[in-house]
Amino acid sequence: MIRPWYRSRLFWLGLPGLLFLLWAWVNSNFVRHTLFLPASTLNSTQGKLLWWRSASDGTHDVLLDLRTSEVTVATIEPGDLFFGRCVFPTLGDVDSEPVEPVDRSWFPAPRWQFVDLTAATCYRLAVLPYWLLTAGYAALLTFGIHRWQRRKLRLLEASAAPSP
């Protein structure tokens, strides 16, 4: 007799990962978390996991809109006054701030852009929505449980078959 799928160890070991992804999805729509990595930034905001890296030669200003994941590149003229916020975060520094209700997005689109504007100016952007991560994890977990149940059924049928 095969145990039901809900009594399978694979199901119970996979359930915490699924619950974590669901929690991260909901939490990202209420609190924006920013993790500063060496030369890049990782954001969990508005239903998506967003990795961002930019480099500039000083003649371009590369800006990212977290809500729409749109990148804007502006050319800085030599006579322009540019006042930017200078932040020197340490490795692993985490910043948290609330997400406004109008900015919440439950099903954003996946995105990636790798653009080199000049030899010294570039930006990298990868956006993974939590709904896609959660659905992919749930599909892999379901497929794994299904294959394991089929394997157990096949072994049971092989052991119950009369030997020649």
Protein backbone atom coordinates (compact mmCIF):
# COMPACT_ATOMS: atom_id res chain seq x y z
CA MET A 1 0.00 0.00 0.00
CA ILE A 2 1.40 3.40 -1.01
CA ARG A 3 1.15 6.23 1.46
CA PRO A 4 -0.90 9.24 0.24
CA TRP A 5 1.00 12.21 -1.20
CA TYR A 6 0.24 14.40 1.83
CA ARG A 7 2.09 11.92 4.07
CA SER A 8 5.19 11.97 1.87
CA ARG A 9 8.46 13.29 3.32
CA LEU A 10 9.12 15.11 0.05
CA PHE A 11 5.86 17.06 0.46
CA TRP A 12 6.65 18.05 4.05
CA LEU A 13 10.26 18.95 3.28
CA GLY A 14 9.19 21.09 0.30
CA LEU A 15 6.40 22.91 2.13
CA PRO A 16 8.65 25.35 4.10
CA GLY A 17 10.22 26.61 0.86
CA LEU A 18 6.80 27.22 -0.66
CA LEU A 19 5.58 29.01 2.46
CA PHE A 20 8.72 31.18 2.50
CA LEU A 21 8.19 32.24 -1.13
CA LEU A 22 4.53 33.09 -0.40
CA TRP A 23 5.58 35.13 2.64
CA ALA A 24 8.29 36.95 0.65
CA TRP A 25 5.77 37.75 -2.12
CA VAL A 26 3.25 39.27 0.30
CA ASN A 27 5.94 41.05 2.37
CA SER A 28 7.51 42.64 -0.72
CA ASN A 29 4.28 44.54 -1.38
CA PHE A 30 4.29 46.11 2.08
CA VAL A 31 7.99 46.64 2.90
CA ARG A 32 10.83 47.43 0.48
CA HIS A 33 14.06 45.73 1.46
CA THR A 34 17.33 46.80 -0.14
CA LEU A 35 20.51 44.79 0.30
CA PHE A 36 23.71 46.52 -0.75
CA LEU A 37 26.20 44.13 -2.35
CA PRO A 38 29.65 44.94 -3.72
CA ALA A 39 29.02 47.11 -6.81
CA SER A 40 25.33 46.10 -7.05
CA THR A 41 22.01 46.24 -5.22
CA LEU A 42 19.33 43.63 -4.52
CA ASN A 43 15.78 44.88 -3.90
CA SER A 44 12.70 43.00 -2.77
CA THR A 45 9.83 45.32 -3.58
CA GLN A 46 6.44 45.53 -5.28
CA GLY A 47 6.08 41.79 -5.86
CA LYS A 48 9.50 41.26 -7.41
CA LEU A 49 13.11 40.47 -6.67
CA LEU A 50 15.25 43.02 -8.48
CA TRP A 51 19.05 42.92 -8.99
CA TRP A 52 20.61 46.17 -10.21
CA ARG A 53 24.15 47.25 -11.11
CA SER A 54 25.33 50.36 -12.92
CA ALA A 55 28.62 52.02 -13.74
CA SER A 56 29.12 55.49 -15.19
CA ASP A 57 32.03 57.42 -16.57
CA GLY A 58 30.68 60.65 -15.05
CA THR A 59 29.03 61.96 -18.22
CA HIS A 60 25.86 59.87 -17.80
CA ASP A 61 23.36 59.58 -14.99
CA VAL A 62 21.70 56.13 -14.87
CA LEU A 63 18.48 56.08 -12.83
CA LEU A 64 16.13 53.18 -12.00
CA ASP A 65 12.42 53.49 -11.23
CA LEU A 66 11.66 50.69 -8.73
CA ARG A 67 7.93 50.74 -9.45
CA THR A 68 8.11 50.12 -13.20
CA SER A 69 11.71 48.80 -13.42
CA GLU A 70 12.38 51.36 -16.14
CA VAL A 71 15.91 52.65 -16.61
CA THR A 72 16.51 56.28 -17.57
CA VAL A 73 19.85 57.45 -18.89
CA ALA A 74 20.55 61.17 -18.93
CA THR A 75 23.60 62.89 -20.34
CA ILE A 76 25.25 65.31 -17.95
CA GLU A 77 26.63 68.36 -19.71
CA PRO A 78 29.91 69.87 -18.41
CA GLY A 79 28.17 73.02 -17.09
CA ASP A 80 25.25 71.23 -15.39
CA LEU A 81 24.99 71.22 -11.64
CA PHE A 82 24.28 67.73 -10.43
CA PHE A 83 23.31 67.13 -6.85
CA GLY A 84 23.14 63.46 -6.05
CA ARG A 85 22.87 61.63 -2.78
CA CYS A 86 26.21 60.08 -1.96
CA VAL A 87 25.77 56.84 -0.04
CA PHE A 88 28.55 54.53 1.04
CA PRO A 89 26.80 51.41 2.32
CA THR A 90 28.77 48.59 3.82
CA LEU A 91 28.57 45.02 2.59
CA GLY A 92 25.34 43.43 3.71
CA ASP A 93 23.76 46.71 4.82
CA VAL A 94 19.96 46.32 4.63
CA ASP A 95 17.59 49.25 4.22
CA SER A 96 13.83 48.86 4.79
CA GLU A 97 11.03 51.29 4.04
CA PRO A 98 7.26 50.92 3.55
CA VAL A 99 5.72 50.56 0.09
CA GLU A 100 2.88 52.97 -0.68
CA PRO A 101 -0.50 51.31 -1.46
CA VAL A 102 -0.56 52.80 -4.98
CA ASP A 103 2.84 51.25 -5.74
CA ARG A 104 1.86 47.66 -4.86
CA SER A 105 1.97 45.18 -7.70
CA TRP A 106 1.07 41.50 -7.28
CA PHE A 107 1.88 40.22 -10.78
CA PRO A 108 4.71 42.27 -12.32
CA ALA A 109 6.35 41.17 -15.55
CA PRO A 110 9.79 39.53 -15.58
CA ARG A 111 12.54 41.68 -17.10
CA TRP A 112 16.21 41.72 -17.83
CA GLN A 113 18.44 44.26 -19.53
CA PHE A 114 22.19 44.24 -20.02
CA VAL A 115 23.19 47.46 -21.78
CA ASP A 116 26.62 48.96 -22.48
CA LEU A 117 26.23 52.65 -23.36
CA THR A 118 29.94 53.43 -23.67
CA ALA A 119 33.10 51.59 -22.72
CA ALA A 120 32.79 52.84 -19.13
CA THR A 121 29.03 53.33 -18.76
CA CYS A 122 26.72 50.34 -18.46
CA TYR A 123 23.84 48.96 -16.47
CA ARG A 124 22.57 45.50 -15.63
CA LEU A 125 19.02 44.77 -14.53
CA ALA A 126 17.29 41.48 -13.71
CA VAL A 127 13.73 41.35 -12.38
CA LEU A 128 12.25 38.07 -11.11
CA PRO A 129 8.63 38.37 -9.95
CA TYR A 130 7.70 36.40 -6.86
CA TRP A 131 4.66 34.91 -8.59
CA LEU A 132 6.97 33.31 -11.14
CA LEU A 133 9.36 32.02 -8.47
CA THR A 134 6.47 30.63 -6.40
CA ALA A 135 4.75 29.00 -9.39
CA GLY A 136 8.03 27.47 -10.58
CA TYR A 137 8.83 26.09 -7.13
CA ALA A 138 5.29 24.69 -6.72
CA ALA A 139 5.47 23.07 -10.18
CA LEU A 140 8.84 21.45 -9.41
CA LEU A 141 7.57 20.24 -6.03
CA THR A 142 4.40 18.79 -7.57
CA PHE A 143 6.37 17.12 -10.36
CA GLY A 144 8.80 15.62 -7.84
CA ILE A 145 6.01 14.26 -5.63
CA HIS A 146 4.21 12.83 -8.69
CA ARG A 147 7.39 11.08 -9.93
CA TRP A 148 8.13 9.71 -6.46
CA GLN A 149 4.58 8.33 -6.12
CA ARG A 150 4.84 6.72 -9.57
CA ARG A 151 8.16 5.17 -8.64
CA LYS A 152 6.72 3.70 -5.45
CA LEU A 153 3.72 2.31 -7.37
CA ARG A 154 5.99 0.74 -10.00
CA LEU A 155 8.15 -0.89 -7.31
CA LEU A 156 5.05 -2.18 -5.51
CA GLU A 157 3.65 -3.67 -8.73
CA ALA A 158 7.02 -5.27 -9.52
CA SER A 159 7.26 -6.85 -6.09
CA ALA A 160 3.64 -8.13 -6.24
CA ALA A 161 4.03 -9.69 -9.70
CA PRO A 162 4.46 -13.48 -9.70
CA SER A 163 7.99 -14.58 -10.41
CA PRO A 164 8.44 -16.86 -13.46
